[in-house]
Amino acid sequence: GVVGRSRSYEDLVAATTEMQLGGRLAVRVLNLETLIAVKEEVADQKDLAMLPIVRRTLEAAQHI
């Protein structure tokens, strides 16, 4: 599978952080900058609707 403009797991893994869920399960999540870029690339209605929220979250995180 690919994300956005044909970004593979290998393309994106450097832009992720590993998070532990429930002690046993580890998942990788995109950093906010990359998530914004991917949502802009996909540009479907749902992704575009979420962009202002993700941008505000990134801005707030940078002021911490």
PDB file of N, CA and C in Angstrom:
ATOM      1  N   GLY A   1       0.799  -1.169   0.000  1.00  0.00           N
ATOM      2  CA  GLY A   1       0.000   0.000   0.000  1.00  0.00           C
ATOM      3  C   GLY A   1       0.863   1.263   0.000  1.00  0.00           C
ATOM      4  N   VAL A   2       0.240   2.333  -0.355  1.00  0.00           N
ATOM      5  CA  VAL A   2       0.916   3.630  -0.375  1.00  0.00           C
ATOM      6  C   VAL A   2       0.017   4.680   0.263  1.00  0.00           C
ATOM      7  N   VAL A   3       0.624   5.799   0.642  1.00  0.00           N
ATOM      8  CA  VAL A   3      -0.089   6.913   1.247  1.00  0.00           C
ATOM      9  C   VAL A   3       0.216   8.167   0.440  1.00  0.00           C
ATOM     10  N   GLY A   4      -0.776   9.019   0.251  1.00  0.00           N
ATOM     11  CA  GLY A   4      -0.549  10.273  -0.476  1.00  0.00           C
ATOM     12  C   GLY A   4      -0.092  10.020  -1.885  1.00  0.00           C
ATOM     13  N   ARG A   5       0.965  10.703  -2.272  1.00  0.00           N
ATOM     14  CA  ARG A   5       1.523  10.546  -3.621  1.00  0.00           C
ATOM     15  C   ARG A   5       2.514   9.390  -3.661  1.00  0.00           C
ATOM     16  N   SER A   6       1.995   8.202  -3.503  1.00  0.00           N
ATOM     17  CA  SER A   6       2.789   6.977  -3.611  1.00  0.00           C
ATOM     18  C   SER A   6       3.911   6.885  -2.587  1.00  0.00           C
ATOM     19  N   ARG A   7       3.679   7.354  -1.376  1.00  0.00           N
ATOM     20  CA  ARG A   7       4.677   7.209  -0.313  1.00  0.00           C
ATOM     21  C   ARG A   7       4.515   5.832   0.316  1.00  0.00           C
ATOM     22  N   SER A   8       5.584   5.081   0.312  1.00  0.00           N
ATOM     23  CA  SER A   8       5.555   3.741   0.890  1.00  0.00           C
ATOM     24  C   SER A   8       5.911   3.803   2.377  1.00  0.00           C
ATOM     25  N   TYR A   9       5.769   2.692   3.050  1.00  0.00           N
ATOM     26  CA  TYR A   9       6.165   2.591   4.454  1.00  0.00           C
ATOM     27  C   TYR A   9       7.618   3.019   4.614  1.00  0.00           C
ATOM     28  N   GLU A  10       8.464   2.522   3.724  1.00  0.00           N
ATOM     29  CA  GLU A  10       9.889   2.844   3.791  1.00  0.00           C
ATOM     30  C   GLU A  10      10.127   4.351   3.630  1.00  0.00           C
ATOM     31  N   ASP A  11       9.323   5.010   2.801  1.00  0.00           N
ATOM     32  CA  ASP A  11       9.440   6.456   2.611  1.00  0.00           C
ATOM     33  C   ASP A  11       9.041   7.222   3.869  1.00  0.00           C
ATOM     34  N   LEU A  12       8.099   6.691   4.612  1.00  0.00           N
ATOM     35  CA  LEU A  12       7.511   7.412   5.737  1.00  0.00           C
ATOM     36  C   LEU A  12       8.062   7.048   7.111  1.00  0.00           C
ATOM     37  N   VAL A  13       8.693   5.907   7.240  1.00  0.00           N
ATOM     38  CA  VAL A  13       9.074   5.416   8.571  1.00  0.00           C
ATOM     39  C   VAL A  13       9.976   6.395   9.322  1.00  0.00           C
ATOM     40  N   ALA A  14      10.817   7.131   8.636  1.00  0.00           N
ATOM     41  CA  ALA A  14      11.692   8.097   9.309  1.00  0.00           C
ATOM     42  C   ALA A  14      10.899   9.261   9.900  1.00  0.00           C
ATOM     43  N   ALA A  15       9.679   9.472   9.435  1.00  0.00           N
ATOM     44  CA  ALA A  15       8.830  10.564   9.913  1.00  0.00           C
ATOM     45  C   ALA A  15       7.795  10.061  10.917  1.00  0.00           C
ATOM     46  N   THR A  16       8.104   8.959  11.600  1.00  0.00           N
ATOM     47  CA  THR A  16       7.169   8.383  12.563  1.00  0.00           C
ATOM     48  C   THR A  16       7.792   8.322  13.951  1.00  0.00           C
ATOM     49  N   THR A  17       6.913   8.135  14.922  1.00  0.00           N
ATOM     50  CA  THR A  17       7.310   7.896  16.297  1.00  0.00           C
ATOM     51  C   THR A  17       6.608   6.632  16.748  1.00  0.00           C
ATOM     52  N   GLU A  18       7.311   5.795  17.489  1.00  0.00           N
ATOM     53  CA  GLU A  18       6.689   4.584  18.009  1.00  0.00           C
ATOM     54  C   GLU A  18       6.006   4.902  19.323  1.00  0.00           C
ATOM     55  N   MET A  19       4.765   4.431  19.454  1.00  0.00           N
ATOM     56  CA  MET A  19       3.991   4.632  20.682  1.00  0.00           C
ATOM     57  C   MET A  19       3.542   3.276  21.210  1.00  0.00           C
ATOM     58  N   GLN A  20       3.584   3.126  22.517  1.00  0.00           N
ATOM     59  CA  GLN A  20       3.114   1.904  23.169  1.00  0.00           C
ATOM     60  C   GLN A  20       1.641   2.062  23.517  1.00  0.00           C
ATOM     61  N   LEU A  21       0.855   1.075  23.176  1.00  0.00           N
ATOM     62  CA  LEU A  21      -0.569   1.056  23.518  1.00  0.00           C
ATOM     63  C   LEU A  21      -0.840  -0.165  24.380  1.00  0.00           C
ATOM     64  N   GLY A  22      -1.300   0.071  25.564  1.00  0.00           N
ATOM     65  CA  GLY A  22      -1.663  -1.044  26.429  1.00  0.00           C
ATOM     66  C   GLY A  22      -0.499  -1.905  26.876  1.00  0.00           C
ATOM     67  N   GLY A  23       0.708  -1.410  26.782  1.00  0.00           N
ATOM     68  CA  GLY A  23       1.861  -2.148  27.270  1.00  0.00           C
ATOM     69  C   GLY A  23       2.443  -3.152  26.300  1.00  0.00           C
ATOM     70  N   ARG A  24       1.638  -3.810  25.505  1.00  0.00           N
ATOM     71  CA  ARG A  24       2.137  -4.859  24.613  1.00  0.00           C
ATOM     72  C   ARG A  24       2.155  -4.466  23.143  1.00  0.00           C
ATOM     73  N   LEU A  25       1.327  -3.546  22.781  1.00  0.00           N
ATOM     74  CA  LEU A  25       1.186  -3.192  21.376  1.00  0.00           C
ATOM     75  C   LEU A  25       1.942  -1.906  21.078  1.00  0.00           C
ATOM     76  N   ALA A  26       2.834  -1.959  20.114  1.00  0.00           N
ATOM     77  CA  ALA A  26       3.567  -0.770  19.669  1.00  0.00           C
ATOM     78  C   ALA A  26       3.078  -0.399  18.272  1.00  0.00           C
ATOM     79  N   VAL A  27       2.787   0.876  18.069  1.00  0.00           N
ATOM     80  CA  VAL A  27       2.354   1.359  16.759  1.00  0.00           C
ATOM     81  C   VAL A  27       3.218   2.544  16.362  1.00  0.00           C
ATOM     82  N   ARG A  28       3.352   2.770  15.070  1.00  0.00           N
ATOM     83  CA  ARG A  28       4.082   3.929  14.561  1.00  0.00           C
ATOM     84  C   ARG A  28       3.065   4.946  14.073  1.00  0.00           C
ATOM     85  N   VAL A  29       3.271   6.211  14.434  1.00  0.00           N
ATOM     86  CA  VAL A  29       2.380   7.284  14.002  1.00  0.00           C
ATOM     87  C   VAL A  29       3.208   8.358  13.306  1.00  0.00           C
ATOM     88  N   LEU A  30       2.628   8.960  12.285  1.00  0.00           N
ATOM     89  CA  LEU A  30       3.304  10.027  11.553  1.00  0.00           C
ATOM     90  C   LEU A  30       3.454  11.261  12.426  1.00  0.00           C
ATOM     91  N   ASN A  31       4.563  11.992  12.243  1.00  0.00           N
ATOM     92  CA  ASN A  31       4.675  13.280  12.912  1.00  0.00           C
ATOM     93  C   ASN A  31       3.682  14.237  12.253  1.00  0.00           C
ATOM     94  N   LEU A  32       3.352  15.306  12.953  1.00  0.00           N
ATOM     95  CA  LEU A  32       2.297  16.198  12.469  1.00  0.00           C
ATOM     96  C   LEU A  32       2.653  16.876  11.152  1.00  0.00           C
ATOM     97  N   GLU A  33       3.922  17.237  10.953  1.00  0.00           N
ATOM     98  CA  GLU A  33       4.320  17.871   9.696  1.00  0.00           C
ATOM     99  C   GLU A  33       4.047  16.953   8.508  1.00  0.00           C
ATOM    100  N   THR A  34       4.402  15.691   8.657  1.00  0.00           N
ATOM    101  CA  THR A  34       4.203  14.726   7.573  1.00  0.00           C
ATOM    102  C   THR A  34       2.723  14.414   7.395  1.00  0.00           C
ATOM    103  N   LEU A  35       1.985  14.321   8.493  1.00  0.00           N
ATOM    104  CA  LEU A  35       0.547  14.084   8.396  1.00  0.00           C
ATOM    105  C   LEU A  35      -0.129  15.201   7.610  1.00  0.00           C
ATOM    106  N   ILE A  36       0.265  16.451   7.870  1.00  0.00           N
ATOM    107  CA  ILE A  36      -0.284  17.587   7.132  1.00  0.00           C
ATOM    108  C   ILE A  36       0.041  17.464   5.646  1.00  0.00           C
ATOM    109  N   ALA A  37       1.291  17.148   5.328  1.00  0.00           N
ATOM    110  CA  ALA A  37       1.693  17.012   3.924  1.00  0.00           C
ATOM    111  C   ALA A  37       0.903  15.921   3.219  1.00  0.00           C
ATOM    112  N   VAL A  38       0.699  14.798   3.877  1.00  0.00           N
ATOM    113  CA  VAL A  38      -0.051  13.688   3.280  1.00  0.00           C
ATOM    114  C   VAL A  38      -1.509  14.085   3.073  1.00  0.00           C
ATOM    115  N   LYS A  39      -2.114  14.740   4.054  1.00  0.00           N
ATOM    116  CA  LYS A  39      -3.514  15.160   3.911  1.00  0.00           C
ATOM    117  C   LYS A  39      -3.661  16.176   2.781  1.00  0.00           C
ATOM    118  N   GLU A  40      -2.677  17.054   2.607  1.00  0.00           N
ATOM    119  CA  GLU A  40      -2.713  18.007   1.494  1.00  0.00           C
ATOM    120  C   GLU A  40      -2.604  17.287   0.151  1.00  0.00           C
ATOM    121  N   GLU A  41      -1.772  16.249   0.095  1.00  0.00           N
ATOM    122  CA  GLU A  41      -1.613  15.481  -1.148  1.00  0.00           C
ATOM    123  C   GLU A  41      -2.898  14.747  -1.519  1.00  0.00           C
ATOM    124  N   VAL A  42      -3.508  14.119  -0.529  1.00  0.00           N
ATOM    125  CA  VAL A  42      -4.723  13.338  -0.782  1.00  0.00           C
ATOM    126  C   VAL A  42      -5.867  14.274  -1.165  1.00  0.00           C
ATOM    127  N   ALA A  43      -5.991  15.356  -0.429  1.00  0.00           N
ATOM    128  CA  ALA A  43      -6.935  16.441  -0.718  1.00  0.00           C
ATOM    129  C   ALA A  43      -8.376  15.976  -0.915  1.00  0.00           C
ATOM    130  N   ASP A  44      -8.785  14.933  -0.197  1.00  0.00           N
ATOM    131  CA  ASP A  44     -10.210  14.620  -0.267  1.00  0.00           C
ATOM    132  C   ASP A  44     -10.928  15.440   0.806  1.00  0.00           C
ATOM    133  N   GLN A  45     -12.219  15.506   0.729  1.00  0.00           N
ATOM    134  CA  GLN A  45     -13.011  16.405   1.569  1.00  0.00           C
ATOM    135  C   GLN A  45     -12.754  16.185   3.061  1.00  0.00           C
ATOM    136  N   LYS A  46     -12.681  14.922   3.482  1.00  0.00           N
ATOM    137  CA  LYS A  46     -12.454  14.595   4.885  1.00  0.00           C
ATOM    138  C   LYS A  46     -11.071  15.070   5.345  1.00  0.00           C
ATOM    139  N   ASP A  47     -10.056  14.818   4.523  1.00  0.00           N
ATOM    140  CA  ASP A  47      -8.701  15.227   4.882  1.00  0.00           C
ATOM    141  C   ASP A  47      -8.576  16.743   4.934  1.00  0.00           C
ATOM    142  N   LEU A  48      -9.142  17.428   3.974  1.00  0.00           N
ATOM    143  CA  LEU A  48      -9.078  18.894   3.959  1.00  0.00           C
ATOM    144  C   LEU A  48      -9.814  19.484   5.161  1.00  0.00           C
ATOM    145  N   ALA A  49     -10.903  18.851   5.580  1.00  0.00           N
ATOM    146  CA  ALA A  49     -11.649  19.330   6.740  1.00  0.00           C
ATOM    147  C   ALA A  49     -10.840  19.202   8.025  1.00  0.00           C
ATOM    148  N   MET A  50      -9.967  18.205   8.105  1.00  0.00           N
ATOM    149  CA  MET A  50      -9.150  17.983   9.299  1.00  0.00           C
ATOM    150  C   MET A  50      -7.905  18.859   9.353  1.00  0.00           C
ATOM    151  N   LEU A  51      -7.474  19.401   8.223  1.00  0.00           N
ATOM    152  CA  LEU A  51      -6.226  20.167   8.180  1.00  0.00           C
ATOM    153  C   LEU A  51      -6.162  21.316   9.184  1.00  0.00           C
ATOM    154  N   PRO A  52      -7.188  22.145   9.335  1.00  0.00           N
ATOM    155  CA  PRO A  52      -7.078  23.232  10.317  1.00  0.00           C
ATOM    156  C   PRO A  52      -6.826  22.730  11.741  1.00  0.00           C
ATOM    157  N   ILE A  53      -7.444  21.623  12.100  1.00  0.00           N
ATOM    158  CA  ILE A  53      -7.262  21.055  13.438  1.00  0.00           C
ATOM    159  C   ILE A  53      -5.840  20.554  13.620  1.00  0.00           C
ATOM    160  N   VAL A  54      -5.332  19.834  12.627  1.00  0.00           N
ATOM    161  CA  VAL A  54      -3.975  19.294  12.723  1.00  0.00           C
ATOM    162  C   VAL A  54      -2.955  20.437  12.735  1.00  0.00           C
ATOM    163  N   ARG A  55      -3.183  21.466  11.935  1.00  0.00           N
ATOM    164  CA  ARG A  55      -2.269  22.621  11.922  1.00  0.00           C
ATOM    165  C   ARG A  55      -2.256  23.330  13.276  1.00  0.00           C
ATOM    166  N   ARG A  56      -3.433  23.502  13.896  1.00  0.00           N
ATOM    167  CA  ARG A  56      -3.487  24.132  15.225  1.00  0.00           C
ATOM    168  C   ARG A  56      -2.799  23.278  16.260  1.00  0.00           C
ATOM    169  N   THR A  57      -2.961  21.965  16.147  1.00  0.00           N
ATOM    170  CA  THR A  57      -2.305  21.048  17.092  1.00  0.00           C
ATOM    171  C   THR A  57      -0.781  21.171  16.953  1.00  0.00           C
ATOM    172  N   LEU A  58      -0.278  21.222  15.735  1.00  0.00           N
ATOM    173  CA  LEU A  58       1.154  21.384  15.505  1.00  0.00           C
ATOM    174  C   LEU A  58       1.636  22.714  16.082  1.00  0.00           C
ATOM    175  N   GLU A  59       0.891  23.776  15.825  1.00  0.00           N
ATOM    176  CA  GLU A  59       1.275  25.093  16.343  1.00  0.00           C
ATOM    177  C   GLU A  59       1.318  25.092  17.869  1.00  0.00           C
ATOM    178  N   ALA A  60       0.327  24.496  18.500  1.00  0.00           N
ATOM    179  CA  ALA A  60       0.294  24.426  19.962  1.00  0.00           C
ATOM    180  C   ALA A  60       1.457  23.599  20.498  1.00  0.00           C
ATOM    181  N   ALA A  61       1.781  22.511  19.831  1.00  0.00           N
ATOM    182  CA  ALA A  61       2.876  21.654  20.266  1.00  0.00           C
ATOM    183  C   ALA A  61       4.225  22.360  20.165  1.00  0.00           C
ATOM    184  N   GLN A  62       4.370  23.252  19.214  1.00  0.00           N
ATOM    185  CA  GLN A  62       5.628  23.961  19.040  1.00  0.00           C
ATOM    186  C   GLN A  62       5.836  25.018  20.117  1.00  0.00           C
ATOM    187  N   HIS A  63       4.761  25.394  20.820  1.00  0.00           N
ATOM    188  CA  HIS A  63       4.870  26.418  21.865  1.00  0.00           C
ATOM    189  C   HIS A  63       5.007  25.808  23.254  1.00  0.00           C
ATOM    190  N   ILE A  64       5.149  24.522  23.322  1.00  0.00           N
ATOM    191  CA  ILE A  64       5.289  23.837  24.620  1.00  0.00           C
ATOM    192  C   ILE A  64       6.751  23.725  24.975  1.00  0.00           C
TER     193      ILE A  64
END
